[in-house]
Amino acid sequence: MLTKNISFRDFKNQKKSKKLRKYLSELIFSKDEVIKSLQKNYKYSYNKQRIRKLKKFKDIRIFGMGGSSLGGNAIYDFLKYKIKKNFYFVSNLSGIDFFPKKKYLNIIISKSGNTLETIVNSNIYIKKNEKNILITDKKNSNLKSISKKLKAEIIDHNNYIGGRYSVLSEVGMLPAELMGLNESKFKQFNNLIKNKNFFNSIINNVSNILILIRRKKFNSVILNYDETADNFLKWYQQLVAESLGKKGKGIFPIISTMPKDNHSLMQLYLDGKKNNFYTFFTTSNKLSPKIKSSIIPDSQKFLINKDLNEITFSQILATQNVFKKKNMPFRTFSIKNRSEETLGELFSFFILETILLAKSLKINPYDQPSVELIKTETKKILASY
C-alpha cells in the first residue's frame, strides 16, 4: 500500500538509488515554491471571507488553458459525486455556445495574462454584468486590461509556480473551495513525507522509470479503467510532457481508455514495437451495478450475479497476466477511496516523480521554451491579416 487510500505496485525491477534518495530529501526541505504549495501552511493570495461571498453561485465557468484548468477539471470530475454545483471548463477554442442561460460566476485563469485562447474565449462568452474573477500574476498584461473593462476582481497567481504545477495553489484550490470541498484535506504532503513506504516508493518508481528510458522505452501508456479519472490523467499527461520534453529527451504519455481499447489498441500494445511501459489506473466503485441474469445466454452463465467491479477486475487481472507472460513492464495504481485526501496524495506523488525524473535527466522541470515559438508565430500571422 502506498497509503490507506492508494494501493501501488511498482515495476518488476526494484533498484534502489542513493542519489535519488538524496535528491528527494533535498527537494522536500527546499524553499521551492511548488513544494511549498503542496503543504498545509501555504499562504494563498485570497482569504476565506472572500470565498464565502462567492459560494452563493451555483453555476461557475473556469476559463483557462492547460494547467490553468486541468487541475480544477480533474478535481471536479473525480469528486463530482459530492459536488452540488455546475462547473463548466472552457479549455479550448470552440465556436459553439453550449451554455444554458444562467447567472454565472466566471473565473479566468492565466499566469501570464496573455494566453491568446483565454483572451478569445473571455471576449466571446463573458459579459460585463456577470461576476468575474481573474487569477494572474502581478505584472501588467492583456487580461489585466480586459479585467478593468469587466470590473473584475484580481487574485494574484504565484509568479514562481507554473500552470501545470499549480493545482494545489490558488489555481486549483479556489475552484475546489467553490465546489464545496475541503481545501486543507488536499494537503497531504506533510503526512506523506513521514511515510517511509511512500518515500521509498517514489525513489524506486523513479529509478525504475530511468532504467526503462535507458532501455529506449519512451512511451508511457496509462491504461485507465476509470472514466472519472480521465481529466486527472490529462493533468498528469501535461505535467510529464511539458516538464520532460526538452533537449531531445522526454517521455510520451498516452492515455488509453479501458476496456474499450482492448478492441482497438491492445493488439498494438501486445504485438507491436516494444518501446512502451504501462500504468494500470483503477478505482473501486462502491455502487457497481449487477448483471441482469434473466437475459444472460447459457454460454455466458459465468456472468450471473457479477457486478461491473468484478468484471473490470477480471479484465485487469487477465491483461496483467498476459503482460507478465510477454515480459511487458507495468505498474499499478488502485484507488480505494474517492476523496480530497486521495487526490492530494496523487497530485503530490506525480509532482515529486516528475521533478525527480527531470533532475536525473538534467532537465529544468519548470520551463517550456519551445511552446513560446508557436505563440509568437501565431501572433505574427494574426497581426499580418
Protein backbone atom coordinates (compact mmCIF):
# COMPACT_ATOMS: atom_id res chain seq x y z
CA MET A 1 0.00 0.00 0.00
CA LEU A 2 1.22 3.50 -0.88
CA THR A 3 -1.27 4.98 1.61
CA LYS A 4 -4.55 3.76 3.08
CA ASN A 5 -6.27 5.29 0.01
CA ILE A 6 -3.95 4.04 -2.74
CA SER A 7 -2.56 0.60 -3.43
CA PHE A 8 0.59 0.83 -5.56
CA ARG A 9 2.54 -1.97 -7.20
CA ASP A 10 5.80 -0.87 -8.78
CA PHE A 11 7.51 -2.17 -11.89
CA LYS A 12 9.15 -5.58 -11.57
CA ASN A 13 12.61 -4.05 -11.17
CA GLN A 14 13.26 -2.81 -7.64
CA LYS A 15 16.51 -0.90 -7.92
CA LYS A 16 17.25 1.47 -5.04
CA SER A 17 19.20 4.67 -5.65
CA LYS A 18 21.16 6.64 -3.05
CA LYS A 19 21.41 9.56 -5.47
CA LEU A 20 17.60 9.75 -5.83
CA ARG A 21 17.18 9.48 -2.07
CA LYS A 22 19.48 12.49 -1.72
CA TYR A 23 17.61 14.42 -4.45
CA LEU A 24 14.24 13.74 -2.80
CA SER A 25 15.45 14.74 0.66
CA GLU A 26 16.88 18.00 -0.73
CA LEU A 27 13.67 18.72 -2.64
CA ILE A 28 11.41 18.11 0.36
CA PHE A 29 13.33 20.53 2.55
CA SER A 30 13.98 23.12 -0.16
CA LYS A 31 12.31 26.52 -0.42
CA ASP A 32 10.90 25.61 -3.84
CA GLU A 33 7.53 27.38 -4.28
CA VAL A 34 5.99 24.31 -5.95
CA ILE A 35 6.86 22.18 -2.91
CA LYS A 36 5.53 24.91 -0.61
CA SER A 37 2.18 24.80 -2.44
CA LEU A 38 1.78 21.12 -1.51
CA GLN A 39 1.99 21.92 2.19
CA LYS A 40 -0.71 22.86 4.69
CA ASN A 41 0.91 26.17 5.63
CA TYR A 42 0.97 27.52 2.06
CA LYS A 43 -0.28 31.13 2.03
CA TYR A 44 -2.99 31.77 -0.56
CA SER A 45 -3.42 35.21 -2.11
CA TYR A 46 -7.16 35.10 -1.35
CA ASN A 47 -8.89 34.95 2.01
CA LYS A 48 -11.71 32.74 3.25
CA GLN A 49 -14.11 35.67 3.69
CA ARG A 50 -13.75 36.49 0.01
CA ILE A 51 -14.57 32.89 -0.92
CA ARG A 52 -17.66 32.73 1.31
CA LYS A 53 -19.24 35.57 -0.67
CA LEU A 54 -18.75 33.61 -3.90
CA LYS A 55 -20.24 30.36 -2.63
CA LYS A 56 -23.77 31.55 -3.41
CA PHE A 57 -23.11 30.94 -7.12
CA LYS A 58 -24.41 27.59 -8.39
CA ASP A 59 -23.09 27.87 -11.95
CA ILE A 60 -19.39 28.56 -12.40
CA ARG A 61 -17.27 28.76 -15.53
CA ILE A 62 -13.50 28.28 -15.47
CA PHE A 63 -11.62 29.84 -18.41
CA GLY A 64 -8.04 28.65 -18.85
CA MET A 65 -5.70 26.58 -20.98
CA GLY A 66 -3.57 23.60 -19.90
CA GLY A 67 -2.64 23.68 -16.23
CA SER A 68 -4.87 26.69 -15.63
CA SER A 69 -7.94 24.45 -15.91
CA LEU A 70 -6.83 20.78 -15.97
CA GLY A 71 -6.29 20.55 -12.21
CA GLY A 72 -9.70 22.02 -11.37
CA ASN A 73 -11.35 19.83 -14.00
CA ALA A 74 -9.63 16.75 -12.56
CA ILE A 75 -10.93 17.59 -9.07
CA TYR A 76 -14.47 18.24 -10.34
CA ASP A 77 -14.79 15.01 -12.31
CA PHE A 78 -13.15 12.76 -9.71
CA LEU A 79 -15.23 14.10 -6.81
CA LYS A 80 -18.40 15.01 -8.70
CA TYR A 81 -20.50 12.64 -6.55
CA LYS A 82 -20.18 15.09 -3.62
CA ILE A 83 -20.40 18.39 -5.56
CA LYS A 84 -23.81 20.05 -5.87
CA LYS A 85 -22.89 22.83 -8.30
CA ASN A 86 -22.43 23.04 -12.06
CA PHE A 87 -18.91 23.75 -13.28
CA TYR A 88 -18.05 24.36 -16.93
CA PHE A 89 -14.43 24.30 -18.12
CA VAL A 90 -13.67 26.42 -21.18
CA SER A 91 -10.30 24.96 -22.08
CA ASN A 92 -10.20 25.01 -25.88
CA LEU A 93 -11.34 27.17 -28.78
CA SER A 94 -14.89 26.41 -29.87
CA GLY A 95 -17.41 28.39 -31.88
CA ILE A 96 -20.36 26.66 -30.20
CA ASP A 97 -22.17 28.43 -27.37
CA PHE A 98 -23.14 25.42 -25.24
CA PHE A 99 -24.01 27.35 -22.07
CA PRO A 100 -27.59 27.44 -20.78
CA LYS A 101 -28.83 30.94 -19.96
CA LYS A 102 -27.96 31.37 -16.28
CA LYS A 103 -26.19 33.78 -13.99
CA TYR A 104 -22.53 32.72 -13.96
CA LEU A 105 -19.51 33.32 -11.83
CA ASN A 106 -16.59 33.44 -14.27
CA ILE A 107 -13.07 32.59 -13.16
CA ILE A 108 -10.44 33.47 -15.78
CA ILE A 109 -7.02 31.91 -15.15
CA SER A 110 -3.79 32.74 -16.95
CA LYS A 111 -0.44 33.07 -15.21
CA SER A 112 0.98 35.34 -17.91
CA GLY A 113 -2.29 37.15 -18.53
CA ASN A 114 -1.53 36.94 -22.25
CA THR A 115 -2.84 33.45 -23.19
CA LEU A 116 -4.43 34.00 -26.59
CA GLU A 117 -7.13 31.32 -26.34
CA THR A 118 -8.21 32.51 -22.89
CA ILE A 119 -8.46 36.10 -24.13
CA VAL A 120 -10.53 34.95 -27.14
CA ASN A 121 -12.91 32.84 -25.04
CA SER A 122 -13.31 35.60 -22.46
CA ASN A 123 -14.20 38.03 -25.24
CA ILE A 124 -16.80 35.65 -26.73
CA TYR A 125 -18.56 34.37 -23.62
CA ILE A 126 -18.12 36.80 -20.70
CA LYS A 127 -20.47 39.72 -20.05
CA LYS A 128 -19.86 42.87 -18.02
CA ASN A 129 -22.87 42.34 -15.77
CA GLU A 130 -21.57 38.94 -14.57
CA LYS A 131 -19.32 38.35 -11.58
CA ASN A 132 -15.79 37.96 -12.96
CA ILE A 133 -12.58 36.97 -11.18
CA LEU A 134 -9.14 36.92 -12.77
CA ILE A 135 -6.25 34.81 -11.44
CA THR A 136 -2.98 36.07 -12.94
CA ASP A 137 0.47 37.19 -11.84
CA LYS A 138 1.21 40.75 -10.71
CA LYS A 139 2.66 42.23 -13.90
CA ASN A 140 0.59 44.19 -16.40
CA SER A 141 -0.93 42.08 -19.17
CA ASN A 142 -3.70 41.93 -21.77
CA LEU A 143 -6.06 40.17 -19.37
CA LYS A 144 -5.47 42.82 -16.72
CA SER A 145 -6.55 45.44 -19.27
CA ILE A 146 -9.67 43.38 -20.01
CA SER A 147 -10.34 42.96 -16.28
CA LYS A 148 -10.60 46.74 -15.86
CA LYS A 149 -13.29 46.89 -18.55
CA LEU A 150 -15.12 43.97 -16.90
CA LYS A 151 -14.59 45.43 -13.42
CA ALA A 152 -13.24 42.01 -12.43
CA GLU A 153 -11.64 41.14 -9.13
CA ILE A 154 -7.98 40.12 -9.40
CA ILE A 155 -6.35 37.33 -7.38
CA ASP A 156 -2.57 37.03 -7.61
CA HIS A 157 -1.17 33.90 -9.25
CA ASN A 158 2.08 32.80 -7.58
CA ASN A 159 4.73 34.00 -10.02
CA TYR A 160 7.05 31.07 -9.19
CA ILE A 161 4.54 28.28 -9.87
CA GLY A 162 3.89 27.29 -13.48
CA GLY A 163 0.40 26.26 -14.56
CA ARG A 164 0.98 22.51 -14.59
CA TYR A 165 2.30 22.59 -11.02
CA SER A 166 -0.38 24.98 -9.71
CA VAL A 167 -3.19 22.56 -8.79
CA LEU A 168 -2.64 22.85 -5.02
CA SER A 169 -2.15 26.63 -5.16
CA GLU A 170 -4.79 29.32 -5.80
CA VAL A 171 -5.43 27.95 -9.29
CA GLY A 172 -6.89 24.63 -8.12
CA MET A 173 -7.84 25.29 -4.53
CA LEU A 174 -10.06 28.34 -5.11
CA PRO A 175 -12.30 26.35 -7.52
CA ALA A 176 -12.18 23.38 -5.10
CA GLU A 177 -13.50 25.55 -2.26
CA LEU A 178 -16.27 26.87 -4.51
CA MET A 179 -17.17 23.24 -5.24
CA GLY A 180 -17.81 22.84 -1.50
CA LEU A 181 -14.70 20.72 -0.97
CA ASN A 182 -12.28 20.98 1.94
CA GLU A 183 -9.10 22.62 0.69
CA SER A 184 -7.00 21.53 3.69
CA LYS A 185 -7.76 17.84 3.06
CA PHE A 186 -5.92 18.00 -0.29
CA LYS A 187 -2.72 18.99 1.53
CA GLN A 188 -1.29 15.55 2.40
CA PHE A 189 2.38 16.33 1.73
CA ASN A 190 3.32 16.78 5.40
CA ASN A 191 1.95 13.31 6.23
CA LEU A 192 3.35 11.66 3.10
CA ILE A 193 6.99 12.62 3.70
CA LYS A 194 6.80 10.92 7.11
CA ASN A 195 5.51 7.76 5.46
CA LYS A 196 8.55 5.52 4.73
CA ASN A 197 6.57 3.42 2.28
CA PHE A 198 5.60 6.50 0.25
CA PHE A 199 9.14 7.88 0.37
CA ASN A 200 10.70 4.57 -0.78
CA SER A 201 8.01 4.00 -3.44
CA ILE A 202 8.77 7.37 -5.07
CA ILE A 203 12.51 6.60 -5.17
CA ASN A 204 12.14 3.05 -6.52
CA ASN A 205 9.49 4.12 -9.03
CA VAL A 206 11.66 6.92 -10.48
CA SER A 207 14.69 4.62 -10.51
CA ASN A 208 12.73 2.00 -12.47
CA ILE A 209 11.45 4.56 -14.99
CA LEU A 210 15.03 5.74 -15.60
CA ILE A 211 16.05 2.12 -16.27
CA LEU A 212 13.18 1.80 -18.79
CA ILE A 213 14.26 5.04 -20.52
CA ARG A 214 17.81 3.67 -20.84
CA ARG A 215 16.25 0.61 -22.48
CA LYS A 216 14.68 3.00 -25.03
CA LYS A 217 11.14 2.63 -23.68
CA PHE A 218 9.92 6.22 -24.04
CA ASN A 219 6.13 5.75 -24.30
CA SER A 220 4.25 5.82 -21.00
CA VAL A 221 0.86 4.23 -21.74
CA ILE A 222 -1.73 4.78 -19.00
CA LEU A 223 -4.40 2.08 -19.10
CA ASN A 224 -7.31 3.92 -17.48
CA TYR A 225 -10.20 1.83 -16.14
CA ASP A 226 -11.96 4.83 -14.53
CA GLU A 227 -13.51 7.44 -16.84
CA THR A 228 -13.97 9.91 -13.96
CA ALA A 229 -10.15 9.99 -13.69
CA ASP A 230 -9.72 10.98 -17.35
CA ASN A 231 -9.05 14.66 -16.62
CA PHE A 232 -6.74 13.78 -13.73
CA LEU A 233 -4.70 11.72 -16.18
CA LYS A 234 -4.77 14.57 -18.71
CA TRP A 235 -3.34 16.76 -15.95
CA TYR A 236 -0.60 14.12 -15.45
CA GLN A 237 -0.08 13.94 -19.22
CA GLN A 238 0.63 17.67 -19.45
CA LEU A 239 2.83 17.57 -16.34
CA VAL A 240 5.08 14.87 -17.80
CA ALA A 241 5.11 16.03 -21.44
CA GLU A 242 5.77 19.71 -20.77
CA SER A 243 8.22 19.16 -17.91
CA LEU A 244 10.40 16.46 -19.50
CA GLY A 245 10.10 17.03 -23.25
CA LYS A 246 13.31 19.02 -23.78
CA LYS A 247 16.80 18.67 -25.25
CA GLY A 248 15.77 15.65 -27.31
CA LYS A 249 14.64 13.85 -24.15
CA GLY A 250 11.30 13.07 -22.53
CA ILE A 251 8.52 10.57 -22.04
CA PHE A 252 5.45 10.41 -24.30
CA PRO A 253 2.41 9.95 -22.01
CA ILE A 254 -0.54 8.26 -23.76
CA ILE A 255 -3.95 7.80 -22.12
CA SER A 256 -5.75 4.64 -23.19
CA THR A 257 -9.42 4.20 -22.22
CA MET A 258 -10.06 0.71 -20.96
CA PRO A 259 -11.56 -1.81 -21.52
CA LYS A 260 -12.68 -0.10 -24.75
CA ASP A 261 -9.13 -0.07 -26.12
CA ASN A 262 -8.90 -3.86 -25.74
CA HIS A 263 -10.83 -3.79 -29.02
CA SER A 264 -8.65 -1.27 -30.82
CA LEU A 265 -5.16 -0.59 -29.43
CA MET A 266 -4.37 -3.69 -27.37
CA GLN A 267 -3.21 -5.65 -30.42
CA LEU A 268 -0.54 -2.98 -30.98
CA TYR A 269 0.46 -2.96 -27.30
CA LEU A 270 0.89 -6.74 -27.24
CA ASP A 271 2.49 -7.38 -30.62
CA GLY A 272 3.80 -4.01 -31.82
CA LYS A 273 7.12 -2.33 -31.05
CA LYS A 274 8.35 -2.92 -27.51
CA ASN A 275 9.09 0.73 -26.70
CA ASN A 276 6.29 1.20 -24.14
CA PHE A 277 5.87 0.88 -20.40
CA TYR A 278 2.43 0.79 -18.78
CA THR A 279 0.47 2.16 -15.84
CA PHE A 280 -2.78 0.46 -14.79
CA PHE A 281 -5.08 3.03 -13.15
CA THR A 282 -8.18 1.67 -11.42
CA THR A 283 -10.77 2.92 -8.94
CA SER A 284 -13.19 0.74 -6.98
CA ASN A 285 -16.85 1.68 -7.45
CA LYS A 286 -18.99 1.03 -4.38
CA LEU A 287 -22.23 1.42 -6.37
CA SER A 288 -21.36 -1.02 -9.14
CA PRO A 289 -24.46 -2.33 -11.00
CA LYS A 290 -25.08 -6.08 -11.29
CA ILE A 291 -25.76 -8.14 -14.39
CA LYS A 292 -29.44 -8.99 -15.03
CA SER A 293 -29.31 -12.77 -15.01
CA SER A 294 -32.69 -13.14 -16.77
CA ILE A 295 -31.24 -12.34 -20.21
CA ILE A 296 -27.81 -13.98 -19.87
CA PRO A 297 -27.35 -16.72 -22.53
CA ASP A 298 -26.37 -20.22 -21.36
CA SER A 299 -22.93 -19.88 -22.92
CA GLN A 300 -22.15 -16.97 -20.56
CA LYS A 301 -23.61 -18.19 -17.28
CA PHE A 302 -20.33 -17.26 -15.60
CA LEU A 303 -21.60 -13.63 -15.70
CA ILE A 304 -24.63 -14.31 -13.48
CA ASN A 305 -24.64 -12.17 -10.29
CA LYS A 306 -21.39 -10.50 -11.28
CA ASP A 307 -21.18 -6.71 -10.95
CA LEU A 308 -19.13 -4.30 -13.09
CA ASN A 309 -16.36 -4.14 -10.47
CA GLU A 310 -15.85 -7.91 -10.69
CA ILE A 311 -15.89 -7.90 -14.48
CA THR A 312 -13.43 -4.98 -14.68
CA PHE A 313 -11.13 -6.55 -12.10
CA SER A 314 -11.12 -9.82 -14.09
CA GLN A 315 -10.15 -7.92 -17.25
CA ILE A 316 -7.35 -6.09 -15.41
CA LEU A 317 -6.02 -9.34 -13.94
CA ALA A 318 -6.20 -11.07 -17.32
CA THR A 319 -4.34 -8.20 -19.02
CA GLN A 320 -1.65 -8.18 -16.35
CA ASN A 321 -1.22 -11.97 -16.63
CA VAL A 322 -0.66 -11.63 -20.38
CA PHE A 323 1.74 -8.69 -19.84
CA LYS A 324 3.77 -10.81 -17.41
CA LYS A 325 3.99 -13.67 -19.92
CA LYS A 326 5.21 -11.24 -22.58
CA ASN A 327 7.62 -9.55 -20.15
CA MET A 328 5.96 -6.14 -20.62
CA PRO A 329 6.79 -3.61 -17.83
CA PHE A 330 3.86 -2.21 -15.84
CA ARG A 331 2.94 -0.62 -12.53
CA THR A 332 -0.49 -0.33 -10.91
CA PHE A 333 -2.38 2.36 -9.01
CA SER A 334 -5.57 1.05 -7.37
CA ILE A 335 -7.67 3.78 -5.78
CA LYS A 336 -9.56 2.59 -2.71
CA ASN A 337 -11.37 5.78 -1.79
CA ARG A 338 -12.57 8.86 -3.70
CA SER A 339 -11.75 11.84 -1.52
CA GLU A 340 -9.82 15.09 -1.30
CA GLU A 341 -7.08 13.23 0.60
CA THR A 342 -6.69 10.66 -2.19
CA LEU A 343 -6.40 13.28 -4.92
CA GLY A 344 -3.95 15.28 -2.82
CA GLU A 345 -1.78 12.18 -2.44
CA LEU A 346 -1.88 11.50 -6.19
CA PHE A 347 -1.05 15.12 -7.09
CA SER A 348 1.90 15.06 -4.67
CA PHE A 349 3.17 11.69 -5.93
CA PHE A 350 3.26 12.68 -9.59
CA ILE A 351 4.67 16.17 -8.99
CA LEU A 352 7.55 14.68 -6.97
CA GLU A 353 8.05 11.90 -9.54
CA THR A 354 8.26 14.41 -12.41
CA ILE A 355 10.69 16.79 -10.67
CA LEU A 356 12.96 13.87 -9.68
CA LEU A 357 12.93 12.50 -13.24
CA ALA A 358 13.83 15.95 -14.60
CA LYS A 359 16.69 16.34 -12.14
CA SER A 360 18.03 12.89 -13.05
CA LEU A 361 17.78 13.68 -16.78
CA LYS A 362 19.49 17.08 -16.21
CA ILE A 363 16.40 18.98 -17.40
CA ASN A 364 14.72 22.08 -15.97
CA PRO A 365 11.25 20.78 -14.95
CA TYR A 366 9.66 24.24 -14.81
CA ASP A 367 10.12 25.86 -18.23
CA GLN A 368 8.62 25.16 -21.69
CA PRO A 369 10.75 27.21 -24.10
CA SER A 370 9.65 25.68 -27.40
CA VAL A 371 5.93 26.27 -26.84
CA GLU A 372 6.64 30.00 -26.90
CA LEU A 373 7.76 29.66 -30.54
CA ILE A 374 4.22 28.73 -31.67
CA LYS A 375 2.67 31.51 -29.59
CA THR A 376 4.98 34.09 -31.21
CA GLU A 377 4.38 32.71 -34.71
CA THR A 378 0.57 32.70 -34.22
CA LYS A 379 0.56 36.35 -33.15
CA LYS A 380 2.75 37.24 -36.15
CA ILE A 381 0.31 35.54 -38.58
CA LEU A 382 -2.80 37.09 -37.00
CA ALA A 383 -1.22 40.56 -37.00
CA SER A 384 -0.39 40.25 -40.72
CA TYR A 385 -4.04 39.82 -41.87
